[in-house]
Amino acid sequence: MLKYKNIVLGVTGSIAAYKSVFLLRELVRAGANVRVILTRHAKEFAAPLTFKTLSGNHVFCSMFDEASTDISHINLQDDTDIFVVAPATANIIGKFAAGIADDFL
């Protein structure tokens, strides 16, 4: 049983990005509502449609996504219990540490 029901899954550009598909599937099987954010480079390894199909939710790929009617980069956190980044590349960890916000994730 999951302690956290509302999860945001951030996926970065790495060959390990395909494993996040399996993680998403298991989280959904366990009853989680998972919303996915893909970096620009993550889309090179795993298609947004795969994540949309498995999660049943819109997949965020850009801060200026036309499919979203709200201010996604602000409202996404409103009902999130936990935020998971998998895979967490050295690039994204460095950006988090330095406060670089050049990608939706």
C-alpha atoms as a PDB file:
ATOM      1  CA  MET A   1       0.000   0.000   0.000  1.00  0.00           C
ATOM      2  CA  LEU A   2       1.289   3.426  -0.925  1.00  0.00           C
ATOM      3  CA  LYS A   3       1.758   6.149   1.646  1.00  0.00           C
ATOM      4  CA  TYR A   4       1.754   8.795  -1.099  1.00  0.00           C
ATOM      5  CA  LYS A   5      -1.144   8.781  -3.562  1.00  0.00           C
ATOM      6  CA  ASN A   6      -0.424  11.870  -5.689  1.00  0.00           C
ATOM      7  CA  ILE A   7       3.002  11.638  -7.279  1.00  0.00           C
ATOM      8  CA  VAL A   8       4.831  13.769  -9.811  1.00  0.00           C
ATOM      9  CA  LEU A   9       7.401  11.749 -11.744  1.00  0.00           C
ATOM     10  CA  GLY A  10      10.177  13.730 -13.426  1.00  0.00           C
ATOM     11  CA  VAL A  11      12.018  11.903 -16.201  1.00  0.00           C
ATOM     12  CA  THR A  12      15.363  13.128 -17.519  1.00  0.00           C
ATOM     13  CA  GLY A  13      17.324  12.357 -20.664  1.00  0.00           C
ATOM     14  CA  SER A  14      19.277   9.205 -20.024  1.00  0.00           C
ATOM     15  CA  ILE A  15      19.334   5.712 -21.444  1.00  0.00           C
ATOM     16  CA  ALA A  16      17.760   4.731 -18.108  1.00  0.00           C
ATOM     17  CA  ALA A  17      14.647   6.784 -18.956  1.00  0.00           C
ATOM     18  CA  TYR A  18      12.938   3.660 -20.275  1.00  0.00           C
ATOM     19  CA  LYS A  19      13.049   2.223 -16.742  1.00  0.00           C
ATOM     20  CA  SER A  20      10.868   5.088 -15.533  1.00  0.00           C
ATOM     21  CA  VAL A  21       8.101   3.583 -17.687  1.00  0.00           C
ATOM     22  CA  PHE A  22       8.246   0.461 -15.515  1.00  0.00           C
ATOM     23  CA  LEU A  23       8.311   2.602 -12.356  1.00  0.00           C
ATOM     24  CA  LEU A  24       5.236   4.493 -13.554  1.00  0.00           C
ATOM     25  CA  ARG A  25       3.410   1.251 -14.281  1.00  0.00           C
ATOM     26  CA  GLU A  26       4.113  -0.083 -10.779  1.00  0.00           C
ATOM     27  CA  LEU A  27       3.076   3.171  -9.101  1.00  0.00           C
ATOM     28  CA  VAL A  28      -0.229   3.175 -10.993  1.00  0.00           C
ATOM     29  CA  ARG A  29      -0.782  -0.508 -10.148  1.00  0.00           C
ATOM     30  CA  ALA A  30      -0.295   0.392  -6.486  1.00  0.00           C
ATOM     31  CA  GLY A  31      -3.067   2.975  -6.766  1.00  0.00           C
ATOM     32  CA  ALA A  32      -1.113   6.197  -7.238  1.00  0.00           C
ATOM     33  CA  ASN A  33      -2.233   9.130  -9.344  1.00  0.00           C
ATOM     34  CA  VAL A  34       0.964   9.920 -11.246  1.00  0.00           C
ATOM     35  CA  ARG A  35       1.596  13.019 -13.321  1.00  0.00           C
ATOM     36  CA  VAL A  36       4.712  12.982 -15.486  1.00  0.00           C
ATOM     37  CA  ILE A  37       7.150  15.710 -16.490  1.00  0.00           C
ATOM     38  CA  LEU A  38       9.592  14.910 -19.299  1.00  0.00           C
ATOM     39  CA  THR A  39      12.660  16.964 -20.071  1.00  0.00           C
ATOM     40  CA  ARG A  40      13.353  17.819 -23.680  1.00  0.00           C
ATOM     41  CA  HIS A  41      16.025  15.122 -23.833  1.00  0.00           C
ATOM     42  CA  ALA A  42      13.903  12.494 -22.070  1.00  0.00           C
ATOM     43  CA  LYS A  43      11.587  12.532 -25.078  1.00  0.00           C
ATOM     44  CA  GLU A  44      14.501  11.173 -27.131  1.00  0.00           C
ATOM     45  CA  PHE A  45      14.499   7.980 -25.032  1.00  0.00           C
ATOM     46  CA  ALA A  46      10.805   7.466 -24.169  1.00  0.00           C
ATOM     47  CA  ALA A  47       7.746   8.872 -25.926  1.00  0.00           C
ATOM     48  CA  PRO A  48       5.283  11.135 -24.087  1.00  0.00           C
ATOM     49  CA  LEU A  49       2.413   9.007 -25.422  1.00  0.00           C
ATOM     50  CA  THR A  50       3.724   6.006 -23.474  1.00  0.00           C
ATOM     51  CA  PHE A  51       3.619   7.960 -20.213  1.00  0.00           C
ATOM     52  CA  LYS A  52       0.211   9.460 -21.030  1.00  0.00           C
ATOM     53  CA  THR A  53      -1.262   6.045 -21.765  1.00  0.00           C
ATOM     54  CA  LEU A  54       0.083   4.440 -18.597  1.00  0.00           C
ATOM     55  CA  SER A  55      -0.669   7.328 -16.244  1.00  0.00           C
ATOM     56  CA  GLY A  56      -3.981   8.419 -17.737  1.00  0.00           C
ATOM     57  CA  ASN A  57      -2.833  12.030 -17.291  1.00  0.00           C
ATOM     58  CA  HIS A  58      -1.446  14.770 -19.479  1.00  0.00           C
ATOM     59  CA  VAL A  59       2.353  14.624 -19.776  1.00  0.00           C
ATOM     60  CA  PHE A  60       4.145  17.919 -19.258  1.00  0.00           C
ATOM     61  CA  CYS A  61       7.029  18.577 -21.644  1.00  0.00           C
ATOM     62  CA  SER A  62       7.161  22.358 -21.865  1.00  0.00           C
ATOM     63  CA  MET A  63       6.429  25.296 -19.626  1.00  0.00           C
ATOM     64  CA  PHE A  64       4.417  26.771 -22.488  1.00  0.00           C
ATOM     65  CA  ASP A  65       2.381  23.658 -23.276  1.00  0.00           C
ATOM     66  CA  GLU A  66      -0.744  24.605 -25.208  1.00  0.00           C
ATOM     67  CA  ALA A  67      -2.728  21.586 -23.960  1.00  0.00           C
ATOM     68  CA  SER A  68      -2.724  22.943 -20.433  1.00  0.00           C
ATOM     69  CA  THR A  69      -5.216  25.646 -19.527  1.00  0.00           C
ATOM     70  CA  ASP A  70      -3.803  26.523 -16.122  1.00  0.00           C
ATOM     71  CA  ILE A  71      -0.432  27.777 -14.936  1.00  0.00           C
ATOM     72  CA  SER A  72       1.037  24.284 -14.843  1.00  0.00           C
ATOM     73  CA  HIS A  73       4.431  25.085 -13.392  1.00  0.00           C
ATOM     74  CA  ILE A  74       2.700  26.585 -10.359  1.00  0.00           C
ATOM     75  CA  ASN A  75      -0.489  24.520 -10.047  1.00  0.00           C
ATOM     76  CA  LEU A  76       1.157  21.120 -10.511  1.00  0.00           C
ATOM     77  CA  GLN A  77       2.382  21.147  -6.925  1.00  0.00           C
ATOM     78  CA  ASP A  78      -1.015  21.936  -5.350  1.00  0.00           C
ATOM     79  CA  ASP A  79      -2.066  18.346  -4.654  1.00  0.00           C
ATOM     80  CA  THR A  80       1.286  16.568  -4.928  1.00  0.00           C
ATOM     81  CA  ASP A  81       2.366  14.358  -2.028  1.00  0.00           C
ATOM     82  CA  ILE A  82       5.816  13.490  -3.341  1.00  0.00           C
ATOM     83  CA  PHE A  83       8.058  14.422  -6.251  1.00  0.00           C
ATOM     84  CA  VAL A  84      10.316  11.732  -7.744  1.00  0.00           C
ATOM     85  CA  VAL A  85      12.981  12.218 -10.401  1.00  0.00           C
ATOM     86  CA  ALA A  86      13.999   8.984 -12.101  1.00  0.00           C
ATOM     87  CA  PRO A  87      16.486   8.803 -13.619  1.00  0.00           C
ATOM     88  CA  ALA A  88      18.174  11.728 -11.897  1.00  0.00           C
ATOM     89  CA  THR A  89      21.085  12.597 -14.148  1.00  0.00           C
ATOM     90  CA  ALA A  90      24.082  14.584 -12.946  1.00  0.00           C
ATOM     91  CA  ASN A  91      22.878  17.368 -15.239  1.00  0.00           C
ATOM     92  CA  ILE A  92      19.502  17.756 -13.523  1.00  0.00           C
ATOM     93  CA  ILE A  93      20.978  17.369 -10.038  1.00  0.00           C
ATOM     94  CA  GLY A  94      23.415  20.179 -10.844  1.00  0.00           C
ATOM     95  CA  LYS A  95      20.582  22.346 -12.165  1.00  0.00           C
ATOM     96  CA  PHE A  96      18.534  21.745  -9.011  1.00  0.00           C
ATOM     97  CA  ALA A  97      21.544  22.615  -6.837  1.00  0.00           C
ATOM     98  CA  ALA A  98      22.313  25.800  -8.774  1.00  0.00           C
ATOM     99  CA  GLY A  99      18.703  26.901  -9.170  1.00  0.00           C
ATOM    100  CA  ILE A 100      18.801  26.719 -12.961  1.00  0.00           C
ATOM    101  CA  ALA A 101      15.258  26.609 -14.319  1.00  0.00           C
ATOM    102  CA  ASP A 102      15.689  26.242 -18.073  1.00  0.00           C
ATOM    103  CA  ASP A 103      13.305  23.300 -18.397  1.00  0.00           C
ATOM    104  CA  PHE A 104       9.821  22.569 -17.029  1.00  0.00           C
ATOM    105  CA  LEU A 105      11.267  19.950 -14.695  1.00  0.00           C
END
